[in-house]
Amino acid sequence: MISAGLFLCLFLPEYRILKKAFEEQLPKEAIVRLFDNQTEIMNLSISPTNLLEEMAKNQTNRSDIECKFFESASDVPQRPQRPESGKEESDGFLTTCC
């Protein structure tokens, strides 16, 4: 299982959609298709959240990416340090600014 921590601006629609896609365990290819077709989805007045739920119902292969989302920077835990180097681990941790 791949684990990642994300600090995103969850008030932005794209990040809420991304969070929902990870919660539904959609594979990355399905998430990419969703964002590639976002204009068509919006033109059809389809709720991205409802679409994600429907996509998840029909999805046979699930993603093994586990994500944690944090509402504020103060909620983000300190990154673990590698014992041998004393440096912070950089694998699997993504942060983004608002």
C-alpha atoms as a PDB file:
ATOM      1  CA  MET A   1       0.000   0.000   0.000  1.00  0.00           C
ATOM      2  CA  ILE A   2       1.194   3.464  -0.876  1.00  0.00           C
ATOM      3  CA  SER A   3       0.683   6.063   1.820  1.00  0.00           C
ATOM      4  CA  ALA A   4       0.680   9.794   1.322  1.00  0.00           C
ATOM      5  CA  GLY A   5      -0.125  12.816   3.422  1.00  0.00           C
ATOM      6  CA  LEU A   6      -1.701  15.772   1.713  1.00  0.00           C
ATOM      7  CA  PHE A   7      -2.161  19.297   2.964  1.00  0.00           C
ATOM      8  CA  LEU A   8      -4.453  20.906   0.450  1.00  0.00           C
ATOM      9  CA  CYS A   9      -6.775  23.865   0.340  1.00  0.00           C
ATOM     10  CA  LEU A  10      -9.903  21.765   0.655  1.00  0.00           C
ATOM     11  CA  PHE A  11     -12.157  24.722  -0.015  1.00  0.00           C
ATOM     12  CA  LEU A  12     -11.024  24.635  -3.677  1.00  0.00           C
ATOM     13  CA  PRO A  13     -13.353  22.432  -5.770  1.00  0.00           C
ATOM     14  CA  GLU A  14     -10.530  20.574  -7.542  1.00  0.00           C
ATOM     15  CA  TYR A  15      -9.038  19.450  -4.240  1.00  0.00           C
ATOM     16  CA  ARG A  16     -12.394  18.348  -2.859  1.00  0.00           C
ATOM     17  CA  ILE A  17     -12.892  16.271  -6.008  1.00  0.00           C
ATOM     18  CA  LEU A  18      -9.404  14.811  -5.683  1.00  0.00           C
ATOM     19  CA  LYS A  19     -10.032  13.962  -2.032  1.00  0.00           C
ATOM     20  CA  LYS A  20     -13.323  12.243  -2.914  1.00  0.00           C
ATOM     21  CA  ALA A  21     -11.617  10.270  -5.698  1.00  0.00           C
ATOM     22  CA  PHE A  22      -8.984   8.962  -3.268  1.00  0.00           C
ATOM     23  CA  GLU A  23     -11.661   8.141  -0.683  1.00  0.00           C
ATOM     24  CA  GLU A  24     -13.500   6.120  -3.340  1.00  0.00           C
ATOM     25  CA  GLN A  25     -10.202   4.343  -4.141  1.00  0.00           C
ATOM     26  CA  LEU A  26     -10.421   5.180  -7.825  1.00  0.00           C
ATOM     27  CA  PRO A  27      -7.323   4.322  -9.845  1.00  0.00           C
ATOM     28  CA  LYS A  28      -5.257   7.208 -11.127  1.00  0.00           C
ATOM     29  CA  GLU A  29      -6.394   6.579 -14.716  1.00  0.00           C
ATOM     30  CA  ALA A  30     -10.036   7.184 -13.709  1.00  0.00           C
ATOM     31  CA  ILE A  31      -9.071  10.372 -11.856  1.00  0.00           C
ATOM     32  CA  VAL A  32      -7.141  11.645 -14.874  1.00  0.00           C
ATOM     33  CA  ARG A  33     -10.133  10.904 -17.140  1.00  0.00           C
ATOM     34  CA  LEU A  34     -12.379  12.830 -14.772  1.00  0.00           C
ATOM     35  CA  PHE A  35     -10.186  15.934 -14.896  1.00  0.00           C
ATOM     36  CA  ASP A  36      -9.618  15.580 -18.659  1.00  0.00           C
ATOM     37  CA  ASN A  37     -13.392  15.672 -19.163  1.00  0.00           C
ATOM     38  CA  GLN A  38     -14.258  18.304 -16.561  1.00  0.00           C
ATOM     39  CA  THR A  39     -15.596  20.790 -19.126  1.00  0.00           C
ATOM     40  CA  GLU A  40     -18.014  18.232 -20.575  1.00  0.00           C
ATOM     41  CA  ILE A  41     -19.086  17.171 -17.080  1.00  0.00           C
ATOM     42  CA  MET A  42     -19.787  20.769 -16.098  1.00  0.00           C
ATOM     43  CA  ASN A  43     -21.686  21.403 -19.362  1.00  0.00           C
ATOM     44  CA  LEU A  44     -23.959  18.451 -18.529  1.00  0.00           C
ATOM     45  CA  SER A  45     -24.540  19.869 -15.030  1.00  0.00           C
ATOM     46  CA  ILE A  46     -23.439  16.615 -13.439  1.00  0.00           C
ATOM     47  CA  SER A  47     -22.256  16.787  -9.842  1.00  0.00           C
ATOM     48  CA  PRO A  48     -18.597  15.670  -9.729  1.00  0.00           C
ATOM     49  CA  THR A  49     -19.224  14.069  -6.330  1.00  0.00           C
ATOM     50  CA  ASN A  50     -22.153  12.020  -7.632  1.00  0.00           C
ATOM     51  CA  LEU A  51     -20.172  11.080 -10.717  1.00  0.00           C
ATOM     52  CA  LEU A  52     -17.287   9.864  -8.559  1.00  0.00           C
ATOM     53  CA  GLU A  53     -19.649   7.736  -6.476  1.00  0.00           C
ATOM     54  CA  GLU A  54     -21.129   6.191  -9.637  1.00  0.00           C
ATOM     55  CA  MET A  55     -17.664   5.578 -11.068  1.00  0.00           C
ATOM     56  CA  ALA A  56     -16.656   3.839  -7.835  1.00  0.00           C
ATOM     57  CA  LYS A  57     -19.694   1.519  -7.972  1.00  0.00           C
ATOM     58  CA  ASN A  58     -18.595   0.230 -11.370  1.00  0.00           C
ATOM     59  CA  GLN A  59     -14.860   0.131 -10.667  1.00  0.00           C
ATOM     60  CA  THR A  60     -13.386  -3.363 -10.438  1.00  0.00           C
ATOM     61  CA  ASN A  61      -9.772  -2.387  -9.780  1.00  0.00           C
ATOM     62  CA  ARG A  62      -9.237  -0.221  -6.711  1.00  0.00           C
ATOM     63  CA  SER A  63      -6.321   2.036  -5.977  1.00  0.00           C
ATOM     64  CA  ASP A  64      -4.074   1.096  -3.072  1.00  0.00           C
ATOM     65  CA  ILE A  65      -3.103   4.706  -2.421  1.00  0.00           C
ATOM     66  CA  GLU A  66      -3.962   5.774   1.109  1.00  0.00           C
ATOM     67  CA  CYS A  67      -4.158   9.505   1.684  1.00  0.00           C
ATOM     68  CA  LYS A  68      -4.659  11.674   4.704  1.00  0.00           C
ATOM     69  CA  PHE A  69      -5.982  15.166   4.221  1.00  0.00           C
ATOM     70  CA  PHE A  70      -5.478  17.997   6.669  1.00  0.00           C
ATOM     71  CA  GLU A  71      -7.570  21.125   7.013  1.00  0.00           C
ATOM     72  CA  SER A  72      -4.768  23.348   8.291  1.00  0.00           C
ATOM     73  CA  ALA A  73      -0.994  23.403   8.445  1.00  0.00           C
ATOM     74  CA  SER A  74      -1.087  22.946  12.221  1.00  0.00           C
ATOM     75  CA  ASP A  75      -2.831  19.566  11.735  1.00  0.00           C
ATOM     76  CA  VAL A  76      -0.027  18.200   9.559  1.00  0.00           C
ATOM     77  CA  PRO A  77       2.236  15.853  11.538  1.00  0.00           C
ATOM     78  CA  GLN A  78       5.989  16.223  11.431  1.00  0.00           C
ATOM     79  CA  ARG A  79       7.604  14.122   8.752  1.00  0.00           C
ATOM     80  CA  PRO A  80       9.459  11.094  10.103  1.00  0.00           C
ATOM     81  CA  GLN A  81      13.219  11.225   9.950  1.00  0.00           C
ATOM     82  CA  ARG A  82      15.357   8.507   8.464  1.00  0.00           C
ATOM     83  CA  PRO A  83      17.301   6.969  11.349  1.00  0.00           C
ATOM     84  CA  GLU A  84      20.549   6.558   9.408  1.00  0.00           C
ATOM     85  CA  SER A  85      20.737  10.073   7.958  1.00  0.00           C
ATOM     86  CA  GLY A  86      18.772  12.242  10.331  1.00  0.00           C
ATOM     87  CA  LYS A  87      17.135  13.817   7.250  1.00  0.00           C
ATOM     88  CA  GLU A  88      13.415  14.089   6.739  1.00  0.00           C
ATOM     89  CA  GLU A  89      11.871  11.440   4.533  1.00  0.00           C
ATOM     90  CA  SER A  90      10.457  12.882   1.360  1.00  0.00           C
ATOM     91  CA  ASP A  91       8.686   9.818  -0.048  1.00  0.00           C
ATOM     92  CA  GLY A  92       4.933   9.992  -0.258  1.00  0.00           C
ATOM     93  CA  PHE A  93       4.341  13.388   1.299  1.00  0.00           C
ATOM     94  CA  LEU A  94       2.826  16.203  -0.711  1.00  0.00           C
ATOM     95  CA  THR A  95       1.937  19.661   0.454  1.00  0.00           C
ATOM     96  CA  THR A  96       0.463  22.492  -1.511  1.00  0.00           C
ATOM     97  CA  CYS A  97      -0.129  26.125  -0.710  1.00  0.00           C
ATOM     98  CA  CYS A  98      -3.345  28.059  -1.128  1.00  0.00           C
END
